[in-house]
Amino acid sequence: MAKNTFTTDIRTHDASWLQAEISKRYETLRALRFDIGFGNLNSLSQFRAAKRELAQLWTVLGEKVAQADHEQAPAQRRTTKTR
């Protein structure tokens, strides 16, 4: 199976770019839903691919946010042991 180049490409971008791309993908999905409703879309593969890429964008964004939170957290951790 070939490695997913879309996922490796989006991991190089920052969170603001990911959020902008997520907004664009929602607009694309909206347009595809209209195309399906009007019968202009012959195959659902384009719709499924758009949904998959949107999910991948959300996953990478979540990872970046969690990583940023984790990097800031050590300063806030307790320094004394508790029983």
Protein backbone atom coordinates (compact mmCIF):
# COMPACT_ATOMS: atom_id res chain seq x y z
CA MET A 1 0.00 0.00 0.00
CA ALA A 2 1.33 3.42 -0.91
CA LYS A 3 2.07 5.92 1.80
CA ASN A 4 -0.52 8.66 2.13
CA THR A 5 1.20 11.77 0.79
CA PHE A 6 -1.69 14.05 1.74
CA THR A 7 -1.20 13.30 5.43
CA THR A 8 2.56 13.74 5.27
CA ASP A 9 2.13 17.04 3.42
CA ILE A 10 -0.33 18.55 5.87
CA ARG A 11 1.85 17.66 8.86
CA THR A 12 4.38 20.25 7.66
CA HIS A 13 1.91 23.14 8.00
CA ASP A 14 1.01 25.15 11.09
CA ALA A 15 -2.31 25.22 12.94
CA SER A 16 -3.61 28.40 11.30
CA TRP A 17 -3.11 26.94 7.82
CA LEU A 18 -4.88 23.75 8.91
CA GLN A 19 -7.86 25.72 10.21
CA ALA A 20 -8.12 27.66 6.95
CA GLU A 21 -7.90 24.43 4.96
CA ILE A 22 -10.63 22.86 7.12
CA SER A 23 -12.92 25.80 6.29
CA LYS A 24 -12.23 25.33 2.58
CA ARG A 25 -12.96 21.61 2.83
CA TYR A 26 -16.32 22.25 4.48
CA GLU A 27 -17.26 24.50 1.56
CA THR A 28 -16.16 21.78 -0.85
CA LEU A 29 -18.28 19.21 0.97
CA ARG A 30 -21.25 21.54 0.87
CA ALA A 31 -20.90 21.95 -2.89
CA LEU A 32 -20.52 18.20 -3.36
CA ARG A 33 -23.67 17.57 -1.33
CA PHE A 34 -25.58 19.89 -3.64
CA ASP A 35 -24.12 18.11 -6.66
CA ILE A 36 -25.28 14.78 -5.25
CA GLY A 37 -28.74 16.16 -4.58
CA PHE A 38 -29.11 17.56 -8.08
CA GLY A 39 -27.71 14.43 -9.67
CA ASN A 40 -24.62 16.16 -11.06
CA LEU A 41 -22.17 13.81 -9.34
CA ASN A 42 -21.89 10.38 -10.95
CA SER A 43 -19.52 8.79 -8.45
CA LEU A 44 -19.38 9.16 -4.68
CA SER A 45 -15.62 8.62 -4.62
CA GLN A 46 -14.91 12.36 -4.77
CA PHE A 47 -17.29 12.98 -1.86
CA ARG A 48 -15.74 10.18 0.21
CA ALA A 49 -12.23 11.46 -0.50
CA ALA A 50 -13.21 14.97 0.62
CA LYS A 51 -14.66 13.59 3.87
CA ARG A 52 -11.53 11.49 4.46
CA GLU A 53 -9.21 14.44 3.89
CA LEU A 54 -11.29 16.60 6.22
CA ALA A 55 -10.99 13.95 8.93
CA GLN A 56 -7.22 13.79 8.39
CA LEU A 57 -6.98 17.58 8.69
CA TRP A 58 -8.88 17.49 11.99
CA THR A 59 -6.66 14.69 13.27
CA VAL A 60 -3.42 16.50 12.47
CA LEU A 61 -4.76 19.75 13.94
CA GLY A 62 -5.70 17.92 17.13
CA GLU A 63 -2.23 16.40 17.34
CA LYS A 64 -0.60 19.80 16.93
CA VAL A 65 -2.80 21.34 19.64
CA ALA A 66 -2.13 18.45 22.02
CA GLN A 67 1.61 18.69 21.36
CA ALA A 68 1.58 22.44 22.05
CA ASP A 69 -0.35 21.87 25.29
CA HIS A 70 2.05 19.14 26.33
CA GLU A 71 5.08 21.36 25.73
CA GLN A 72 3.60 24.08 27.94
CA ALA A 73 2.42 21.70 30.68
CA PRO A 74 5.75 20.82 32.41
CA ALA A 75 5.99 24.32 33.87
CA GLN A 76 2.59 23.88 35.44
CA ARG A 77 3.18 20.40 36.93
CA ARG A 78 3.64 19.84 40.63
CA THR A 79 7.19 19.74 41.91
CA THR A 80 6.41 17.93 45.19
CA LYS A 81 5.49 14.29 45.60
CA THR A 82 2.06 13.36 46.85
CA ARG A 83 1.09 10.18 48.58
